[in-house]
Amino acid sequence: MWTELLILEQNSIVSPMDASLIEGLIEKNKPFRIETASGRIFEVPHRDFIAFSTRKTSVIITYDEHGKEHFAIVPLLTVTAAMTQA
């Protein structure tokens, strides 16, 4: 079961994701998910699969898809939720 830590859309106002919230999840070194405004969900199994850009405006997430390694650059402005397992 996943527990949603943050939903940024409240009363039609969208706030940017605070990098410190994702940093807290990374520090715990437990699996978590990041959901974007487009509805895409990225699974982050542990801290080796995610990194911040230099100015902490984006996260770089690596993932496997059909047996091949890929990466996504996700601007924090597009992150709508961060979820961790309960």
C-alpha atoms as a PDB file:
ATOM      1  CA  MET A   1       0.000   0.000   0.000  1.00  0.00           C
ATOM      2  CA  TRP A   2       1.290   3.435  -0.957  1.00  0.00           C
ATOM      3  CA  THR A   3       0.736   6.496   1.205  1.00  0.00           C
ATOM      4  CA  GLU A   4       0.517   9.777  -0.615  1.00  0.00           C
ATOM      5  CA  LEU A   5       2.838  12.275   1.038  1.00  0.00           C
ATOM      6  CA  LEU A   6       1.940  15.363  -0.904  1.00  0.00           C
ATOM      7  CA  ILE A   7      -0.643  16.450  -3.414  1.00  0.00           C
ATOM      8  CA  LEU A   8       0.188  19.885  -4.670  1.00  0.00           C
ATOM      9  CA  GLU A   9      -3.060  20.738  -6.376  1.00  0.00           C
ATOM     10  CA  GLN A  10      -5.435  22.285  -3.851  1.00  0.00           C
ATOM     11  CA  ASN A  11      -8.372  24.519  -4.743  1.00  0.00           C
ATOM     12  CA  SER A  12      -7.086  24.854  -8.336  1.00  0.00           C
ATOM     13  CA  ILE A  13      -3.788  26.359  -7.134  1.00  0.00           C
ATOM     14  CA  VAL A  14      -0.682  24.414  -8.067  1.00  0.00           C
ATOM     15  CA  SER A  15       2.462  24.972  -5.986  1.00  0.00           C
ATOM     16  CA  PRO A  16       5.931  23.871  -7.053  1.00  0.00           C
ATOM     17  CA  MET A  17       7.293  20.734  -5.412  1.00  0.00           C
ATOM     18  CA  ASP A  18       9.684  21.521  -2.581  1.00  0.00           C
ATOM     19  CA  ALA A  19      13.004  19.775  -3.248  1.00  0.00           C
ATOM     20  CA  SER A  20      13.439  19.133   0.480  1.00  0.00           C
ATOM     21  CA  LEU A  21      10.433  16.775   0.457  1.00  0.00           C
ATOM     22  CA  ILE A  22      12.059  14.573  -2.169  1.00  0.00           C
ATOM     23  CA  GLU A  23      15.415  14.856  -0.392  1.00  0.00           C
ATOM     24  CA  GLY A  24      13.726  13.467   2.729  1.00  0.00           C
ATOM     25  CA  LEU A  25      12.468  10.466   0.772  1.00  0.00           C
ATOM     26  CA  ILE A  26      15.913   9.889  -0.720  1.00  0.00           C
ATOM     27  CA  GLU A  27      17.530   9.999   2.727  1.00  0.00           C
ATOM     28  CA  LYS A  28      15.208   7.239   3.969  1.00  0.00           C
ATOM     29  CA  ASN A  29      16.555   4.998   1.167  1.00  0.00           C
ATOM     30  CA  LYS A  30      13.198   3.228   0.816  1.00  0.00           C
ATOM     31  CA  PRO A  31      11.118   2.787  -2.349  1.00  0.00           C
ATOM     32  CA  PHE A  32       8.882   5.676  -3.369  1.00  0.00           C
ATOM     33  CA  ARG A  33       6.938   6.961  -6.357  1.00  0.00           C
ATOM     34  CA  ILE A  34       6.822  10.333  -8.059  1.00  0.00           C
ATOM     35  CA  GLU A  35       3.741  11.332 -10.028  1.00  0.00           C
ATOM     36  CA  THR A  36       3.780  14.084 -12.649  1.00  0.00           C
ATOM     37  CA  ALA A  37       1.092  16.425 -13.961  1.00  0.00           C
ATOM     38  CA  SER A  38       0.822  14.259 -17.088  1.00  0.00           C
ATOM     39  CA  GLY A  39      -0.115  11.274 -14.913  1.00  0.00           C
ATOM     40  CA  ARG A  40       3.162   9.457 -15.387  1.00  0.00           C
ATOM     41  CA  ILE A  41       4.400   7.593 -12.312  1.00  0.00           C
ATOM     42  CA  PHE A  42       8.084   6.918 -11.732  1.00  0.00           C
ATOM     43  CA  GLU A  43       9.097   4.138  -9.343  1.00  0.00           C
ATOM     44  CA  VAL A  44      12.242   4.935  -7.355  1.00  0.00           C
ATOM     45  CA  PRO A  45      13.460   1.663  -5.739  1.00  0.00           C
ATOM     46  CA  HIS A  46      16.285   3.385  -3.799  1.00  0.00           C
ATOM     47  CA  ARG A  47      18.539   6.433  -3.861  1.00  0.00           C
ATOM     48  CA  ASP A  48      20.769   5.160  -6.656  1.00  0.00           C
ATOM     49  CA  PHE A  49      17.892   5.671  -9.122  1.00  0.00           C
ATOM     50  CA  ILE A  50      17.370   9.415  -8.570  1.00  0.00           C
ATOM     51  CA  ALA A  51      19.480  12.585  -8.513  1.00  0.00           C
ATOM     52  CA  PHE A  52      18.882  16.335  -8.504  1.00  0.00           C
ATOM     53  CA  SER A  53      20.000  18.770 -11.150  1.00  0.00           C
ATOM     54  CA  THR A  54      22.622  21.273 -10.023  1.00  0.00           C
ATOM     55  CA  ARG A  55      20.058  23.931  -9.058  1.00  0.00           C
ATOM     56  CA  LYS A  56      17.539  21.402  -7.708  1.00  0.00           C
ATOM     57  CA  THR A  57      14.928  22.412 -10.250  1.00  0.00           C
ATOM     58  CA  SER A  58      14.642  18.900 -11.727  1.00  0.00           C
ATOM     59  CA  VAL A  59      15.200  15.284 -10.768  1.00  0.00           C
ATOM     60  CA  ILE A  60      16.868  12.718 -12.993  1.00  0.00           C
ATOM     61  CA  ILE A  61      15.287   9.298 -12.590  1.00  0.00           C
ATOM     62  CA  THR A  62      16.704   6.109 -14.107  1.00  0.00           C
ATOM     63  CA  TYR A  63      14.398   3.180 -14.820  1.00  0.00           C
ATOM     64  CA  ASP A  64      14.151  -0.060 -16.798  1.00  0.00           C
ATOM     65  CA  GLU A  65      11.612  -0.441 -19.570  1.00  0.00           C
ATOM     66  CA  HIS A  66      11.427  -3.606 -21.667  1.00  0.00           C
ATOM     67  CA  GLY A  67      14.819  -4.688 -20.353  1.00  0.00           C
ATOM     68  CA  LYS A  68      16.580  -1.465 -21.349  1.00  0.00           C
ATOM     69  CA  GLU A  69      17.850   1.304 -19.115  1.00  0.00           C
ATOM     70  CA  HIS A  70      16.296   4.747 -19.597  1.00  0.00           C
ATOM     71  CA  PHE A  71      16.343   8.034 -17.756  1.00  0.00           C
ATOM     72  CA  ALA A  72      13.887  10.898 -17.400  1.00  0.00           C
ATOM     73  CA  ILE A  73      14.549  14.495 -16.498  1.00  0.00           C
ATOM     74  CA  VAL A  74      11.528  15.602 -14.485  1.00  0.00           C
ATOM     75  CA  PRO A  75      11.138  19.305 -13.667  1.00  0.00           C
ATOM     76  CA  LEU A  76       9.942  19.753 -10.083  1.00  0.00           C
ATOM     77  CA  LEU A  77       7.248  22.116 -11.383  1.00  0.00           C
ATOM     78  CA  THR A  78       5.573  19.097 -13.002  1.00  0.00           C
ATOM     79  CA  VAL A  79       5.650  16.851  -9.895  1.00  0.00           C
ATOM     80  CA  THR A  80       2.180  16.615  -8.362  1.00  0.00           C
ATOM     81  CA  ALA A  81       2.731  13.919  -5.725  1.00  0.00           C
ATOM     82  CA  ALA A  82       5.366  11.883  -3.935  1.00  0.00           C
ATOM     83  CA  MET A  83       4.286   8.583  -2.375  1.00  0.00           C
ATOM     84  CA  THR A  84       5.983   6.075  -0.120  1.00  0.00           C
ATOM     85  CA  GLN A  85       4.975   2.610   1.020  1.00  0.00           C
ATOM     86  CA  ALA A  86       3.169   2.513   4.338  1.00  0.00           C
END
